[in-house]
């Protein structure tokens, strides 16, 4: 999809990020669905973006947030806690672009791997990550598959 750009999220993006996550999360087949009103979820995202614990990249298309990826903790650790794409932009390369950026940033910080937790019944996401050479490593909390991609240094 041409014409999209990546940038770091700021606090002003919290509401759009919250709305996008809630809209996209219904496709995850979550064991524990997100059941939070958008205004309350916006407050959570405002705190996340203020805290510095979450480093979030957004992908804009025509001035709107089409997707985002968030690291939890130091980027070097490679813990991708969120990757959400607006449903109307599914399968248009935004997820791959965000994951390539994530890999670049982790390598830049001398990190060795990317890690994501995927809902057990979210077969679409599992297939997506497998296409990017992630491997299933373990199960966490009985419903999340931990998937890891080792990064080469070059």
N, C-alpha and C. Protein backbone atom coordinates (compact mmCIF):
# COMPACT_ATOMS: atom_id res chain seq x y z
N UNK A 1 0.84 -1.17 0.00
CA UNK A 1 0.00 0.00 0.00
C UNK A 1 0.89 1.24 0.00
N UNK A 2 0.87 1.98 -1.08
CA UNK A 2 1.72 3.15 -1.21
C UNK A 2 1.13 4.33 -0.45
N UNK A 3 2.02 5.23 -0.07
CA UNK A 3 1.57 6.45 0.58
C UNK A 3 1.43 6.36 2.08
N UNK A 4 1.86 5.25 2.68
CA UNK A 4 1.79 5.19 4.14
C UNK A 4 3.15 5.55 4.72
N UNK A 5 3.15 6.02 5.95
CA UNK A 5 4.41 6.39 6.60
C UNK A 5 4.39 5.97 8.05
N UNK A 6 5.57 5.66 8.56
CA UNK A 6 5.73 5.28 9.96
C UNK A 6 6.24 6.47 10.74
N UNK A 7 5.80 6.55 11.98
CA UNK A 7 6.30 7.57 12.90
C UNK A 7 6.06 7.08 14.32
N UNK A 8 6.75 7.70 15.28
CA UNK A 8 6.53 7.40 16.69
C UNK A 8 5.19 7.99 17.12
N UNK A 9 4.46 7.24 17.92
CA UNK A 9 3.19 7.71 18.46
C UNK A 9 3.46 8.76 19.55
N UNK A 10 2.50 9.65 19.72
CA UNK A 10 2.56 10.57 20.85
C UNK A 10 1.21 10.53 21.57
N UNK A 11 1.14 11.23 22.66
CA UNK A 11 -0.05 11.15 23.52
C UNK A 11 -1.33 11.55 22.77
N UNK A 12 -1.20 12.44 21.79
CA UNK A 12 -2.37 12.87 21.02
C UNK A 12 -2.95 11.72 20.20
N UNK A 13 -2.21 10.65 20.01
CA UNK A 13 -2.68 9.49 19.24
C UNK A 13 -3.46 8.49 20.09
N UNK A 14 -3.50 8.69 21.39
CA UNK A 14 -4.06 7.68 22.30
C UNK A 14 -5.49 7.27 21.93
N UNK A 15 -6.33 8.23 21.61
CA UNK A 15 -7.73 7.89 21.31
C UNK A 15 -7.84 7.07 20.03
N UNK A 16 -7.12 7.47 18.98
CA UNK A 16 -7.17 6.72 17.72
C UNK A 16 -6.58 5.32 17.89
N UNK A 17 -5.52 5.21 18.67
CA UNK A 17 -4.91 3.90 18.94
C UNK A 17 -5.91 3.01 19.69
N UNK A 18 -6.56 3.56 20.71
CA UNK A 18 -7.53 2.79 21.49
C UNK A 18 -8.69 2.32 20.61
N UNK A 19 -9.23 3.22 19.78
CA UNK A 19 -10.33 2.84 18.89
C UNK A 19 -9.89 1.75 17.91
N UNK A 20 -8.69 1.90 17.34
CA UNK A 20 -8.20 0.91 16.39
C UNK A 20 -8.01 -0.45 17.05
N UNK A 21 -7.42 -0.47 18.24
CA UNK A 21 -7.22 -1.75 18.93
C UNK A 21 -8.55 -2.43 19.22
N UNK A 22 -9.51 -1.68 19.71
CA UNK A 22 -10.82 -2.28 20.01
C UNK A 22 -11.50 -2.81 18.75
N UNK A 23 -11.37 -2.08 17.65
CA UNK A 23 -12.00 -2.51 16.40
C UNK A 23 -11.32 -3.76 15.84
N UNK A 24 -10.01 -3.81 15.95
CA UNK A 24 -9.24 -4.92 15.39
C UNK A 24 -9.24 -6.15 16.29
N UNK A 25 -9.32 -5.94 17.60
CA UNK A 25 -9.22 -7.05 18.56
C UNK A 25 -10.35 -8.07 18.41
N UNK A 26 -11.47 -7.68 17.85
CA UNK A 26 -12.57 -8.63 17.68
C UNK A 26 -12.19 -9.76 16.73
N UNK A 27 -11.16 -9.57 15.93
CA UNK A 27 -10.71 -10.60 14.98
C UNK A 27 -9.70 -11.56 15.61
N UNK A 28 -9.30 -11.32 16.85
CA UNK A 28 -8.26 -12.13 17.49
C UNK A 28 -8.73 -13.45 18.06
N UNK A 29 -10.03 -13.63 18.19
CA UNK A 29 -10.58 -14.83 18.82
C UNK A 29 -10.00 -14.97 20.23
N UNK A 30 -10.08 -13.89 20.98
CA UNK A 30 -9.53 -13.84 22.34
C UNK A 30 -10.29 -14.74 23.30
N UNK A 31 -9.56 -15.38 24.17
CA UNK A 31 -10.16 -16.14 25.25
C UNK A 31 -10.82 -15.16 26.23
N UNK A 32 -10.17 -14.03 26.45
CA UNK A 32 -10.69 -12.98 27.32
C UNK A 32 -10.83 -11.70 26.51
N UNK A 33 -11.99 -11.48 25.91
CA UNK A 33 -12.16 -10.28 25.05
C UNK A 33 -11.96 -8.98 25.83
N UNK A 34 -11.56 -7.96 25.10
CA UNK A 34 -11.43 -6.63 25.70
C UNK A 34 -12.83 -6.08 25.87
N UNK A 35 -13.17 -5.75 27.10
CA UNK A 35 -14.51 -5.24 27.39
C UNK A 35 -14.38 -3.92 28.15
N UNK A 36 -13.81 -2.92 27.48
CA UNK A 36 -13.53 -1.64 28.08
C UNK A 36 -14.12 -0.56 27.17
N UNK A 37 -14.85 0.39 27.70
CA UNK A 37 -15.33 1.50 26.86
C UNK A 37 -14.15 2.27 26.25
N UNK A 38 -14.33 2.79 25.06
CA UNK A 38 -13.24 3.44 24.34
C UNK A 38 -12.63 4.59 25.12
N UNK A 39 -13.41 5.36 25.85
CA UNK A 39 -12.84 6.48 26.61
C UNK A 39 -11.94 5.99 27.75
N UNK A 40 -12.33 4.89 28.40
CA UNK A 40 -11.49 4.31 29.44
C UNK A 40 -10.22 3.71 28.84
N UNK A 41 -10.36 3.08 27.67
CA UNK A 41 -9.20 2.50 27.00
C UNK A 41 -8.26 3.60 26.51
N UNK A 42 -8.81 4.73 26.11
CA UNK A 42 -7.99 5.88 25.72
C UNK A 42 -7.12 6.32 26.89
N UNK A 43 -7.69 6.35 28.09
CA UNK A 43 -6.92 6.74 29.29
C UNK A 43 -5.77 5.76 29.54
N UNK A 44 -6.04 4.47 29.31
CA UNK A 44 -4.98 3.46 29.46
C UNK A 44 -3.86 3.75 28.47
N UNK A 45 -4.22 4.04 27.22
CA UNK A 45 -3.20 4.32 26.21
C UNK A 45 -2.47 5.64 26.50
N UNK A 46 -3.16 6.62 27.05
CA UNK A 46 -2.48 7.86 27.42
C UNK A 46 -1.40 7.57 28.46
N UNK A 47 -1.75 6.75 29.44
CA UNK A 47 -0.78 6.40 30.48
C UNK A 47 0.38 5.60 29.89
N UNK A 48 0.07 4.67 29.01
CA UNK A 48 1.13 3.88 28.38
C UNK A 48 2.10 4.78 27.62
N UNK A 49 1.56 5.70 26.84
CA UNK A 49 2.41 6.57 26.03
C UNK A 49 3.19 7.56 26.89
N UNK A 50 2.62 7.98 28.01
CA UNK A 50 3.31 8.90 28.93
C UNK A 50 4.43 8.20 29.69
N UNK A 51 4.19 6.94 30.04
CA UNK A 51 5.08 6.24 30.96
C UNK A 51 6.47 5.97 30.40
N UNK A 52 6.59 5.85 29.10
CA UNK A 52 7.86 5.47 28.51
C UNK A 52 8.09 3.97 28.49
N UNK A 53 7.23 3.21 29.14
CA UNK A 53 7.34 1.74 29.13
C UNK A 53 6.92 1.15 27.79
N UNK A 54 6.10 1.88 27.05
CA UNK A 54 5.62 1.42 25.75
C UNK A 54 6.15 2.35 24.68
N UNK A 55 6.90 1.79 23.75
CA UNK A 55 7.39 2.55 22.61
C UNK A 55 6.53 2.13 21.42
N UNK A 56 5.78 3.07 20.87
CA UNK A 56 4.74 2.73 19.90
C UNK A 56 5.00 3.43 18.57
N UNK A 57 4.93 2.64 17.51
CA UNK A 57 5.08 3.14 16.14
C UNK A 57 3.71 3.08 15.49
N UNK A 58 3.32 4.15 14.83
CA UNK A 58 2.07 4.13 14.07
C UNK A 58 2.38 4.19 12.59
N UNK A 59 1.48 3.59 11.82
CA UNK A 59 1.54 3.67 10.37
C UNK A 59 0.35 4.52 9.93
N UNK A 60 0.65 5.64 9.32
CA UNK A 60 -0.40 6.54 8.85
C UNK A 60 -0.65 6.32 7.36
N UNK A 61 -1.90 6.41 7.00
CA UNK A 61 -2.29 6.38 5.59
C UNK A 61 -3.35 7.46 5.41
N UNK A 62 -3.07 8.39 4.52
CA UNK A 62 -3.97 9.52 4.28
C UNK A 62 -4.35 10.24 5.57
N UNK A 63 -3.34 10.44 6.43
CA UNK A 63 -3.53 11.20 7.66
C UNK A 63 -4.22 10.46 8.80
N UNK A 64 -4.57 9.20 8.61
CA UNK A 64 -5.23 8.40 9.65
C UNK A 64 -4.31 7.27 10.07
N UNK A 65 -4.44 6.82 11.32
CA UNK A 65 -3.66 5.69 11.78
C UNK A 65 -4.27 4.41 11.23
N UNK A 66 -3.51 3.72 10.39
CA UNK A 66 -3.98 2.48 9.76
C UNK A 66 -3.51 1.25 10.54
N UNK A 67 -2.50 1.43 11.39
CA UNK A 67 -1.99 0.33 12.19
C UNK A 67 -0.96 0.84 13.18
N UNK A 68 -0.64 0.01 14.16
CA UNK A 68 0.40 0.39 15.11
C UNK A 68 1.04 -0.85 15.72
N UNK A 69 2.24 -0.66 16.19
CA UNK A 69 3.02 -1.70 16.87
C UNK A 69 3.59 -1.07 18.12
N UNK A 70 3.56 -1.80 19.21
CA UNK A 70 4.09 -1.27 20.46
C UNK A 70 5.03 -2.29 21.10
N UNK A 71 6.17 -1.77 21.52
CA UNK A 71 7.10 -2.55 22.33
C UNK A 71 6.77 -2.30 23.79
N UNK A 72 6.89 -3.34 24.58
CA UNK A 72 6.81 -3.16 26.02
C UNK A 72 8.22 -3.30 26.57
N UNK A 73 8.63 -2.37 27.40
CA UNK A 73 9.96 -2.33 27.99
C UNK A 73 10.98 -1.83 26.96
N UNK A 74 12.22 -2.11 27.17
CA UNK A 74 13.28 -1.63 26.29
C UNK A 74 13.16 -2.29 24.91
N UNK A 75 13.37 -1.50 23.89
CA UNK A 75 13.28 -2.03 22.51
C UNK A 75 14.25 -3.20 22.33
N UNK A 76 15.43 -3.11 22.92
CA UNK A 76 16.44 -4.16 22.79
C UNK A 76 15.89 -5.54 23.13
N UNK A 77 14.96 -5.60 24.08
CA UNK A 77 14.38 -6.90 24.47
C UNK A 77 13.51 -7.50 23.36
N UNK A 78 12.98 -6.66 22.48
CA UNK A 78 12.21 -7.17 21.35
C UNK A 78 10.81 -7.67 21.68
N UNK A 79 10.27 -7.25 22.82
CA UNK A 79 8.93 -7.69 23.24
C UNK A 79 7.85 -6.85 22.55
N UNK A 80 7.29 -7.39 21.48
CA UNK A 80 6.21 -6.70 20.78
C UNK A 80 4.91 -7.10 21.48
N UNK A 81 4.31 -6.14 22.18
CA UNK A 81 3.10 -6.46 22.94
C UNK A 81 1.84 -6.18 22.15
N UNK A 82 1.93 -5.34 21.14
CA UNK A 82 0.74 -4.99 20.36
C UNK A 82 1.10 -4.82 18.89
N UNK A 83 0.35 -5.44 18.04
CA UNK A 83 0.38 -5.17 16.61
C UNK A 83 -1.07 -5.22 16.16
N UNK A 84 -1.61 -4.07 15.83
CA UNK A 84 -3.00 -3.99 15.39
C UNK A 84 -3.08 -3.20 14.09
N UNK A 85 -3.86 -3.73 13.18
CA UNK A 85 -4.11 -3.09 11.89
C UNK A 85 -5.61 -2.84 11.79
N UNK A 86 -5.96 -1.67 11.30
CA UNK A 86 -7.38 -1.40 11.08
C UNK A 86 -7.91 -2.46 10.10
N UNK A 87 -9.07 -3.06 10.39
CA UNK A 87 -9.58 -4.15 9.53
C UNK A 87 -9.69 -3.80 8.05
N UNK A 88 -9.95 -2.56 7.70
CA UNK A 88 -10.05 -2.24 6.27
C UNK A 88 -8.69 -2.25 5.58
N UNK A 89 -7.61 -2.34 6.36
CA UNK A 89 -6.26 -2.40 5.79
C UNK A 89 -5.59 -3.77 5.98
N UNK A 90 -6.36 -4.76 6.42
CA UNK A 90 -5.79 -6.11 6.54
C UNK A 90 -5.22 -6.54 5.18
N UNK A 91 -4.13 -7.29 5.25
CA UNK A 91 -3.49 -7.91 4.09
C UNK A 91 -3.05 -6.91 3.02
N UNK A 92 -2.63 -5.72 3.49
CA UNK A 92 -2.12 -4.72 2.56
C UNK A 92 -0.68 -4.33 2.85
N UNK A 93 0.00 -5.13 3.68
CA UNK A 93 1.42 -4.93 3.92
C UNK A 93 1.79 -4.07 5.11
N UNK A 94 0.80 -3.53 5.81
CA UNK A 94 1.10 -2.66 6.94
C UNK A 94 1.73 -3.44 8.09
N UNK A 95 1.20 -4.61 8.39
CA UNK A 95 1.78 -5.44 9.46
C UNK A 95 3.22 -5.81 9.16
N UNK A 96 3.50 -6.20 7.92
CA UNK A 96 4.88 -6.55 7.55
C UNK A 96 5.79 -5.33 7.66
N UNK A 97 5.29 -4.18 7.23
CA UNK A 97 6.11 -2.96 7.32
C UNK A 97 6.43 -2.63 8.77
N UNK A 98 5.45 -2.73 9.65
CA UNK A 98 5.68 -2.46 11.07
C UNK A 98 6.63 -3.48 11.68
N UNK A 99 6.49 -4.75 11.32
CA UNK A 99 7.39 -5.77 11.87
C UNK A 99 8.82 -5.60 11.33
N UNK A 100 8.97 -5.19 10.08
CA UNK A 100 10.32 -4.90 9.55
C UNK A 100 10.96 -3.75 10.34
N UNK A 101 10.16 -2.72 10.61
CA UNK A 101 10.66 -1.59 11.40
C UNK A 101 11.05 -2.05 12.81
N UNK A 102 10.23 -2.91 13.40
CA UNK A 102 10.53 -3.44 14.73
C UNK A 102 11.86 -4.20 14.72
N UNK A 103 12.04 -5.06 13.73
CA UNK A 103 13.29 -5.82 13.64
C UNK A 103 14.48 -4.89 13.48
N UNK A 104 14.33 -3.87 12.65
CA UNK A 104 15.41 -2.90 12.45
C UNK A 104 15.77 -2.22 13.78
N UNK A 105 14.77 -1.78 14.52
CA UNK A 105 15.01 -1.08 15.79
C UNK A 105 15.66 -1.98 16.83
N UNK A 106 15.22 -3.22 16.89
CA UNK A 106 15.82 -4.17 17.85
C UNK A 106 17.28 -4.43 17.49
N UNK A 107 17.55 -4.64 16.20
CA UNK A 107 18.95 -4.84 15.77
C UNK A 107 19.79 -3.61 16.10
N UNK A 108 19.24 -2.43 15.87
CA UNK A 108 19.95 -1.18 16.14
C UNK A 108 20.36 -1.09 17.60
N UNK A 109 19.53 -1.64 18.49
CA UNK A 109 19.81 -1.64 19.93
C UNK A 109 20.61 -2.87 20.36
N UNK A 110 21.07 -3.64 19.37
CA UNK A 110 21.87 -4.86 19.62
C UNK A 110 21.04 -5.99 20.24
N UNK A 111 19.73 -5.96 20.01
CA UNK A 111 18.87 -7.04 20.46
C UNK A 111 19.02 -8.25 19.57
N UNK A 112 18.56 -9.38 20.03
CA UNK A 112 18.79 -10.65 19.32
C UNK A 112 17.52 -11.28 18.75
N UNK A 113 16.34 -10.86 19.22
CA UNK A 113 15.12 -11.54 18.79
C UNK A 113 13.90 -10.64 18.96
N UNK A 114 12.84 -10.98 18.24
CA UNK A 114 11.52 -10.40 18.43
C UNK A 114 10.64 -11.47 19.05
N UNK A 115 9.79 -11.07 19.98
CA UNK A 115 8.87 -11.99 20.64
C UNK A 115 7.46 -11.41 20.59
N UNK A 116 6.48 -12.26 20.26
CA UNK A 116 5.07 -11.85 20.27
C UNK A 116 4.26 -12.94 20.97
N UNK A 117 3.17 -12.54 21.60
CA UNK A 117 2.22 -13.48 22.19
C UNK A 117 0.97 -13.45 21.32
N UNK A 118 0.55 -14.62 20.87
CA UNK A 118 -0.59 -14.73 19.96
C UNK A 118 -1.67 -15.59 20.59
N UNK A 119 -2.89 -15.10 20.51
CA UNK A 119 -4.02 -15.89 21.02
C UNK A 119 -4.04 -17.27 20.36
N UNK A 120 -4.33 -18.28 21.16
CA UNK A 120 -4.31 -19.68 20.73
C UNK A 120 -5.16 -19.95 19.49
N UNK A 121 -6.32 -19.29 19.38
CA UNK A 121 -7.22 -19.56 18.26
C UNK A 121 -7.16 -18.49 17.17
N UNK A 122 -6.16 -17.64 17.24
CA UNK A 122 -5.99 -16.61 16.21
C UNK A 122 -5.06 -17.17 15.12
N UNK A 123 -5.63 -18.04 14.31
CA UNK A 123 -4.85 -18.74 13.30
C UNK A 123 -4.32 -17.79 12.23
N UNK A 124 -5.05 -16.73 11.92
CA UNK A 124 -4.58 -15.75 10.95
C UNK A 124 -3.29 -15.09 11.39
N UNK A 125 -3.24 -14.69 12.66
CA UNK A 125 -2.02 -14.06 13.18
C UNK A 125 -0.88 -15.07 13.25
N UNK A 126 -1.18 -16.30 13.64
CA UNK A 126 -0.12 -17.32 13.68
C UNK A 126 0.48 -17.52 12.30
N UNK A 127 -0.38 -17.59 11.29
CA UNK A 127 0.10 -17.76 9.91
C UNK A 127 0.93 -16.55 9.48
N UNK A 128 0.47 -15.36 9.84
CA UNK A 128 1.21 -14.14 9.51
C UNK A 128 2.61 -14.20 10.10
N UNK A 129 2.72 -14.49 11.39
CA UNK A 129 4.03 -14.52 12.03
C UNK A 129 4.90 -15.66 11.48
N UNK A 130 4.30 -16.79 11.19
CA UNK A 130 5.08 -17.88 10.58
C UNK A 130 5.65 -17.45 9.22
N UNK A 131 4.88 -16.66 8.46
CA UNK A 131 5.37 -16.19 7.16
C UNK A 131 6.57 -15.26 7.33
N UNK A 132 6.71 -14.68 8.52
CA UNK A 132 7.85 -13.81 8.82
C UNK A 132 8.96 -14.57 9.57
N UNK A 133 8.85 -15.90 9.59
CA UNK A 133 9.86 -16.80 10.18
C UNK A 133 9.88 -16.81 11.71
N UNK A 134 8.74 -16.51 12.31
CA UNK A 134 8.60 -16.70 13.75
C UNK A 134 8.33 -18.18 14.00
N UNK A 135 8.80 -18.66 15.13
CA UNK A 135 8.59 -20.05 15.54
C UNK A 135 7.86 -20.06 16.89
N UNK A 136 6.94 -21.00 17.03
CA UNK A 136 6.25 -21.18 18.31
C UNK A 136 7.26 -21.69 19.32
N UNK A 137 7.30 -21.06 20.48
CA UNK A 137 8.28 -21.44 21.49
C UNK A 137 7.65 -22.06 22.72
N UNK A 138 6.51 -21.50 23.16
CA UNK A 138 5.87 -22.00 24.37
C UNK A 138 4.44 -21.48 24.43
N UNK A 139 3.75 -21.89 25.49
CA UNK A 139 2.39 -21.39 25.75
C UNK A 139 2.43 -20.69 27.09
N UNK A 140 1.77 -19.54 27.16
CA UNK A 140 1.75 -18.71 28.36
C UNK A 140 0.30 -18.49 28.77
N UNK A 141 0.03 -18.58 30.04
CA UNK A 141 -1.31 -18.35 30.59
C UNK A 141 -2.38 -19.25 29.97
N UNK A 142 -1.97 -20.38 29.45
CA UNK A 142 -2.84 -21.41 28.86
C UNK A 142 -3.56 -21.00 27.58
N UNK A 143 -3.37 -19.74 27.12
CA UNK A 143 -4.09 -19.35 25.91
C UNK A 143 -3.27 -18.48 24.95
N UNK A 144 -2.02 -18.21 25.30
CA UNK A 144 -1.18 -17.40 24.43
C UNK A 144 0.01 -18.22 23.94
N UNK A 145 0.21 -18.21 22.64
CA UNK A 145 1.38 -18.88 22.06
C UNK A 145 2.49 -17.84 21.97
N UNK A 146 3.62 -18.13 22.57
CA UNK A 146 4.78 -17.26 22.49
C UNK A 146 5.54 -17.63 21.22
N UNK A 147 5.68 -16.65 20.33
CA UNK A 147 6.37 -16.88 19.07
C UNK A 147 7.61 -15.98 19.03
N UNK A 148 8.71 -16.54 18.53
CA UNK A 148 10.00 -15.85 18.55
C UNK A 148 10.62 -15.89 17.17
N UNK A 149 11.26 -14.78 16.82
CA UNK A 149 12.05 -14.71 15.60
C UNK A 149 13.45 -14.26 15.99
N UNK A 150 14.41 -15.12 15.75
CA UNK A 150 15.81 -14.77 16.00
C UNK A 150 16.25 -13.80 14.89
N UNK A 151 16.99 -12.77 15.28
CA UNK A 151 17.43 -11.77 14.33
C UNK A 151 18.90 -11.94 14.03
N UNK A 152 19.24 -11.88 12.77
CA UNK A 152 20.66 -11.91 12.40
C UNK A 152 21.23 -10.52 12.66
N UNK A 153 22.52 -10.44 12.79
CA UNK A 153 23.14 -9.16 13.12
C UNK A 153 23.33 -8.27 11.91
N UNK A 154 23.09 -8.78 10.72
CA UNK A 154 23.28 -7.91 9.55
C UNK A 154 21.96 -7.45 8.97
